[in-house]
Amino acid sequence: MRIVGSLEPYYYDYYLHLKKMAEDLNLTDYITLEVTVSLDKLLSLMRKSSIHFHPKPAEHFGMSIVEAMSAGLVPIVPDVVGQTEFVPLQYLFHTLEEAARIIIRV
């Protein structure tokens, strides 16, 4: 799993927390955190991916979700707000446990 995105200074402590958690749980072979990647790198990662897991609830529109869908990735997103209007129902989740079941199924 790759966690990719920008890193605002406000979230730096959380980033370090996630990184340490992956190390403590011995998951560094399975989880990669990638921040401030170039557009070319992002596109390359998307070409190698099959699922776009977007756990953030209350996304007003979800531009990254639409971009991922246009690249052929299956969007796994919360069942609230804007993305519910364009993401197929079978890919919407209410709990993280539901999201995990959907990811396994896909």
N, C-alpha and C. Protein backbone atom coordinates (compact mmCIF):
# COMPACT_ATOMS: atom_id res chain seq x y z
N MET A 1 0.85 -1.16 0.00
CA MET A 1 0.00 0.00 0.00
C MET A 1 0.90 1.22 0.00
N ARG A 2 0.55 2.15 -0.86
CA ARG A 2 1.27 3.42 -0.90
C ARG A 2 0.33 4.52 -0.43
N ILE A 3 0.79 5.30 0.52
CA ILE A 3 0.05 6.48 0.96
C ILE A 3 0.76 7.65 0.33
N VAL A 4 0.06 8.32 -0.58
CA VAL A 4 0.67 9.37 -1.39
C VAL A 4 -0.09 10.67 -1.21
N GLY A 5 0.63 11.76 -1.05
CA GLY A 5 -0.03 13.05 -0.95
C GLY A 5 0.93 14.15 -0.56
N SER A 6 0.39 15.34 -0.46
CA SER A 6 1.20 16.46 -0.01
C SER A 6 1.28 16.43 1.51
N LEU A 7 2.29 17.07 2.05
CA LEU A 7 2.47 17.08 3.51
C LEU A 7 2.56 18.52 3.98
N GLU A 8 1.48 18.99 4.56
CA GLU A 8 1.46 20.33 5.13
C GLU A 8 2.13 20.29 6.50
N PRO A 9 2.82 21.35 6.88
CA PRO A 9 3.51 21.36 8.18
C PRO A 9 2.62 20.97 9.36
N TYR A 10 1.36 21.33 9.30
CA TYR A 10 0.42 21.03 10.38
C TYR A 10 0.31 19.52 10.62
N TYR A 11 0.47 18.71 9.58
CA TYR A 11 0.30 17.27 9.67
C TYR A 11 1.62 16.50 9.82
N TYR A 12 2.72 17.21 9.98
CA TYR A 12 4.01 16.54 10.03
C TYR A 12 4.11 15.56 11.20
N ASP A 13 3.61 15.92 12.37
CA ASP A 13 3.65 15.02 13.52
C ASP A 13 2.83 13.75 13.25
N TYR A 14 1.70 13.91 12.57
CA TYR A 14 0.87 12.76 12.23
C TYR A 14 1.59 11.86 11.24
N TYR A 15 2.26 12.46 10.28
CA TYR A 15 3.08 11.71 9.32
C TYR A 15 4.12 10.87 10.06
N LEU A 16 4.83 11.50 11.01
CA LEU A 16 5.83 10.77 11.78
C LEU A 16 5.20 9.64 12.59
N HIS A 17 4.00 9.90 13.13
CA HIS A 17 3.27 8.88 13.88
C HIS A 17 2.95 7.67 12.98
N LEU A 18 2.45 7.93 11.78
CA LEU A 18 2.14 6.84 10.84
C LEU A 18 3.39 6.06 10.45
N LYS A 19 4.45 6.80 10.19
CA LYS A 19 5.71 6.16 9.80
C LYS A 19 6.23 5.26 10.92
N LYS A 20 6.19 5.76 12.15
CA LYS A 20 6.65 4.97 13.29
C LYS A 20 5.74 3.76 13.52
N MET A 21 4.44 3.94 13.34
CA MET A 21 3.51 2.83 13.52
C MET A 21 3.82 1.71 12.53
N ALA A 22 4.08 2.07 11.28
CA ALA A 22 4.41 1.06 10.26
C ALA A 22 5.70 0.34 10.64
N GLU A 23 6.66 1.08 11.17
CA GLU A 23 7.92 0.46 11.61
C GLU A 23 7.70 -0.44 12.81
N ASP A 24 6.96 0.05 13.81
CA ASP A 24 6.72 -0.74 15.03
C ASP A 24 5.95 -2.02 14.75
N LEU A 25 5.06 -1.99 13.77
CA LEU A 25 4.27 -3.16 13.42
C LEU A 25 4.94 -4.03 12.36
N ASN A 26 6.18 -3.65 12.02
CA ASN A 26 6.97 -4.38 11.03
C ASN A 26 6.24 -4.48 9.69
N LEU A 27 5.67 -3.36 9.25
CA LEU A 27 4.90 -3.31 8.00
C LEU A 27 5.59 -2.50 6.90
N THR A 28 6.85 -2.15 7.11
CA THR A 28 7.51 -1.29 6.12
C THR A 28 7.70 -1.96 4.76
N ASP A 29 7.61 -3.29 4.72
CA ASP A 29 7.66 -3.98 3.42
C ASP A 29 6.32 -3.88 2.70
N TYR A 30 5.27 -3.47 3.42
CA TYR A 30 3.91 -3.45 2.86
C TYR A 30 3.32 -2.05 2.74
N ILE A 31 3.86 -1.09 3.49
CA ILE A 31 3.32 0.27 3.50
C ILE A 31 4.43 1.25 3.18
N THR A 32 4.18 2.10 2.20
CA THR A 32 5.14 3.14 1.82
C THR A 32 4.44 4.49 1.92
N LEU A 33 5.08 5.44 2.58
CA LEU A 33 4.57 6.81 2.64
C LEU A 33 5.36 7.65 1.65
N GLU A 34 4.66 8.28 0.73
CA GLU A 34 5.32 9.11 -0.28
C GLU A 34 4.69 10.49 -0.28
N VAL A 35 5.49 11.48 0.05
CA VAL A 35 4.98 12.85 0.13
C VAL A 35 5.70 13.74 -0.87
N THR A 36 4.98 14.75 -1.32
CA THR A 36 5.51 15.74 -2.24
C THR A 36 6.12 15.08 -3.47
N VAL A 37 5.36 14.19 -4.10
CA VAL A 37 5.84 13.53 -5.32
C VAL A 37 5.54 14.41 -6.53
N SER A 38 6.33 14.26 -7.55
CA SER A 38 6.11 15.00 -8.79
C SER A 38 4.88 14.44 -9.49
N LEU A 39 4.35 15.20 -10.43
CA LEU A 39 3.21 14.73 -11.22
C LEU A 39 3.57 13.47 -11.98
N ASP A 40 4.77 13.42 -12.55
CA ASP A 40 5.20 12.23 -13.29
C ASP A 40 5.22 11.00 -12.38
N LYS A 41 5.73 11.16 -11.17
CA LYS A 41 5.79 10.06 -10.21
C LYS A 41 4.37 9.64 -9.81
N LEU A 42 3.49 10.62 -9.58
CA LEU A 42 2.11 10.31 -9.22
C LEU A 42 1.43 9.52 -10.33
N LEU A 43 1.60 9.94 -11.57
CA LEU A 43 1.01 9.22 -12.70
C LEU A 43 1.58 7.82 -12.82
N SER A 44 2.87 7.67 -12.59
CA SER A 44 3.50 6.36 -12.63
C SER A 44 2.91 5.44 -11.55
N LEU A 45 2.72 5.97 -10.35
CA LEU A 45 2.13 5.18 -9.27
C LEU A 45 0.69 4.79 -9.59
N MET A 46 -0.04 5.70 -10.19
CA MET A 46 -1.42 5.40 -10.54
C MET A 46 -1.50 4.32 -11.61
N ARG A 47 -0.56 4.32 -12.56
CA ARG A 47 -0.55 3.29 -13.60
C ARG A 47 -0.32 1.90 -13.02
N LYS A 48 0.37 1.83 -11.89
CA LYS A 48 0.69 0.55 -11.25
C LYS A 48 -0.37 0.13 -10.24
N SER A 49 -1.35 0.97 -10.00
CA SER A 49 -2.34 0.72 -8.95
C SER A 49 -3.65 0.20 -9.53
N SER A 50 -4.48 -0.34 -8.66
CA SER A 50 -5.80 -0.78 -9.09
C SER A 50 -6.91 -0.18 -8.23
N ILE A 51 -6.57 0.27 -7.02
CA ILE A 51 -7.57 0.82 -6.10
C ILE A 51 -7.12 2.19 -5.60
N HIS A 52 -8.08 3.09 -5.49
CA HIS A 52 -7.84 4.39 -4.87
C HIS A 52 -8.68 4.42 -3.59
N PHE A 53 -8.03 4.22 -2.45
CA PHE A 53 -8.71 4.25 -1.16
C PHE A 53 -8.64 5.68 -0.63
N HIS A 54 -9.78 6.29 -0.48
CA HIS A 54 -9.86 7.69 -0.04
C HIS A 54 -10.70 7.73 1.24
N PRO A 55 -10.06 7.62 2.41
CA PRO A 55 -10.81 7.49 3.66
C PRO A 55 -11.41 8.78 4.20
N LYS A 56 -11.04 9.92 3.64
CA LYS A 56 -11.50 11.20 4.20
C LYS A 56 -13.00 11.38 3.99
N PRO A 57 -13.74 11.51 5.11
CA PRO A 57 -15.18 11.79 4.98
C PRO A 57 -15.42 13.27 4.68
N ALA A 58 -16.59 13.58 4.24
CA ALA A 58 -17.01 14.97 4.02
C ALA A 58 -16.18 15.68 2.95
N GLU A 59 -15.82 14.96 1.92
CA GLU A 59 -15.14 15.56 0.77
C GLU A 59 -16.21 16.26 -0.05
N HIS A 60 -16.06 17.55 -0.30
CA HIS A 60 -17.11 18.29 -0.99
C HIS A 60 -17.33 17.79 -2.41
N PHE A 61 -16.27 17.60 -3.15
CA PHE A 61 -16.42 17.06 -4.50
C PHE A 61 -15.56 15.83 -4.69
N GLY A 62 -14.29 15.92 -4.37
CA GLY A 62 -13.41 14.77 -4.49
C GLY A 62 -12.65 14.72 -5.80
N MET A 63 -11.89 15.77 -6.07
CA MET A 63 -11.13 15.82 -7.32
C MET A 63 -10.18 14.63 -7.46
N SER A 64 -9.50 14.25 -6.39
CA SER A 64 -8.57 13.12 -6.51
C SER A 64 -9.32 11.83 -6.83
N ILE A 65 -10.56 11.73 -6.35
CA ILE A 65 -11.37 10.54 -6.64
C ILE A 65 -11.70 10.49 -8.13
N VAL A 66 -12.11 11.61 -8.68
CA VAL A 66 -12.43 11.67 -10.11
C VAL A 66 -11.19 11.41 -10.95
N GLU A 67 -10.05 11.97 -10.54
CA GLU A 67 -8.81 11.74 -11.28
C GLU A 67 -8.44 10.26 -11.24
N ALA A 68 -8.58 9.63 -10.09
CA ALA A 68 -8.26 8.20 -9.97
C ALA A 68 -9.19 7.37 -10.84
N MET A 69 -10.47 7.70 -10.81
CA MET A 69 -11.44 6.96 -11.64
C MET A 69 -11.10 7.12 -13.12
N SER A 70 -10.72 8.32 -13.52
CA SER A 70 -10.40 8.54 -14.93
C SER A 70 -9.14 7.78 -15.34
N ALA A 71 -8.30 7.43 -14.36
CA ALA A 71 -7.10 6.64 -14.64
C ALA A 71 -7.39 5.14 -14.57
N GLY A 72 -8.64 4.78 -14.26
CA GLY A 72 -9.03 3.38 -14.25
C GLY A 72 -8.97 2.71 -12.88
N LEU A 73 -8.72 3.48 -11.83
CA LEU A 73 -8.66 2.90 -10.49
C LEU A 73 -10.07 2.79 -9.91
N VAL A 74 -10.28 1.77 -9.09
CA VAL A 74 -11.56 1.59 -8.41
C VAL A 74 -11.54 2.47 -7.16
N PRO A 75 -12.52 3.38 -7.02
CA PRO A 75 -12.54 4.27 -5.86
C PRO A 75 -13.25 3.61 -4.68
N ILE A 76 -12.59 3.54 -3.54
CA ILE A 76 -13.20 3.06 -2.31
C ILE A 76 -13.29 4.28 -1.40
N VAL A 77 -14.53 4.78 -1.19
CA VAL A 77 -14.71 6.07 -0.52
C VAL A 77 -15.86 6.03 0.48
N PRO A 78 -15.87 6.95 1.46
CA PRO A 78 -16.98 7.01 2.43
C PRO A 78 -18.31 7.29 1.73
N ASP A 79 -19.38 6.82 2.36
CA ASP A 79 -20.72 6.97 1.76
C ASP A 79 -21.41 8.26 2.21
N VAL A 80 -20.68 9.35 2.20
CA VAL A 80 -21.24 10.65 2.59
C VAL A 80 -20.80 11.73 1.61
N VAL A 81 -21.62 12.72 1.48
CA VAL A 81 -21.38 13.97 0.75
C VAL A 81 -21.16 13.75 -0.75
N GLY A 82 -20.35 14.59 -1.39
CA GLY A 82 -20.26 14.72 -2.84
C GLY A 82 -19.96 13.48 -3.64
N GLN A 83 -19.01 12.67 -3.20
CA GLN A 83 -18.62 11.52 -4.01
C GLN A 83 -19.72 10.48 -4.16
N THR A 84 -20.74 10.53 -3.31
CA THR A 84 -21.84 9.56 -3.43
C THR A 84 -22.64 9.77 -4.70
N GLU A 85 -22.47 10.93 -5.32
CA GLU A 85 -23.21 11.24 -6.54
C GLU A 85 -22.60 10.60 -7.78
N PHE A 86 -21.31 10.20 -7.71
CA PHE A 86 -20.69 9.67 -8.93
C PHE A 86 -19.92 8.36 -8.73
N VAL A 87 -19.75 7.93 -7.50
CA VAL A 87 -19.07 6.65 -7.25
C VAL A 87 -20.13 5.55 -7.15
N PRO A 88 -19.96 4.44 -7.85
CA PRO A 88 -20.94 3.35 -7.77
C PRO A 88 -21.14 2.88 -6.32
N LEU A 89 -22.36 2.52 -5.99
CA LEU A 89 -22.73 2.16 -4.63
C LEU A 89 -21.87 1.04 -4.04
N GLN A 90 -21.46 0.08 -4.85
CA GLN A 90 -20.70 -1.04 -4.33
C GLN A 90 -19.31 -0.66 -3.84
N TYR A 91 -18.88 0.59 -4.08
CA TYR A 91 -17.56 1.04 -3.64
C TYR A 91 -17.63 2.06 -2.51
N LEU A 92 -18.82 2.28 -1.97
CA LEU A 92 -19.00 3.21 -0.86
C LEU A 92 -18.98 2.45 0.46
N PHE A 93 -18.35 3.01 1.49
CA PHE A 93 -18.31 2.35 2.79
C PHE A 93 -18.73 3.32 3.89
N HIS A 94 -19.18 2.74 4.99
CA HIS A 94 -19.58 3.52 6.17
C HIS A 94 -18.57 3.37 7.30
N THR A 95 -17.91 2.22 7.39
CA THR A 95 -16.90 1.97 8.41
C THR A 95 -15.62 1.47 7.74
N LEU A 96 -14.52 1.55 8.44
CA LEU A 96 -13.26 1.05 7.88
C LEU A 96 -13.31 -0.46 7.68
N GLU A 97 -14.06 -1.15 8.50
CA GLU A 97 -14.22 -2.59 8.33
C GLU A 97 -14.92 -2.89 7.00
N GLU A 98 -15.94 -2.10 6.69
CA GLU A 98 -16.61 -2.24 5.39
C GLU A 98 -15.64 -1.97 4.25
N ALA A 99 -14.83 -0.92 4.40
CA ALA A 99 -13.85 -0.58 3.37
C ALA A 99 -12.90 -1.74 3.13
N ALA A 100 -12.44 -2.37 4.21
CA ALA A 100 -11.53 -3.52 4.08
C ALA A 100 -12.20 -4.65 3.31
N ARG A 101 -13.47 -4.92 3.61
CA ARG A 101 -14.19 -6.00 2.90
C ARG A 101 -14.30 -5.67 1.41
N ILE A 102 -14.58 -4.41 1.10
CA ILE A 102 -14.70 -4.01 -0.31
C ILE A 102 -13.36 -4.17 -1.02
N ILE A 103 -12.29 -3.73 -0.36
CA ILE A 103 -10.96 -3.84 -0.96
C ILE A 103 -10.61 -5.30 -1.22
N ILE A 104 -10.90 -6.17 -0.26
CA ILE A 104 -10.63 -7.61 -0.45
C ILE A 104 -11.44 -8.15 -1.61
N ARG A 105 -12.70 -7.73 -1.70
CA ARG A 105 -13.57 -8.22 -2.78
C ARG A 105 -13.07 -7.74 -4.14
N VAL A 106 -12.66 -6.49 -4.23
CA VAL A 106 -12.19 -5.92 -5.50
C VAL A 106 -10.86 -6.52 -5.87
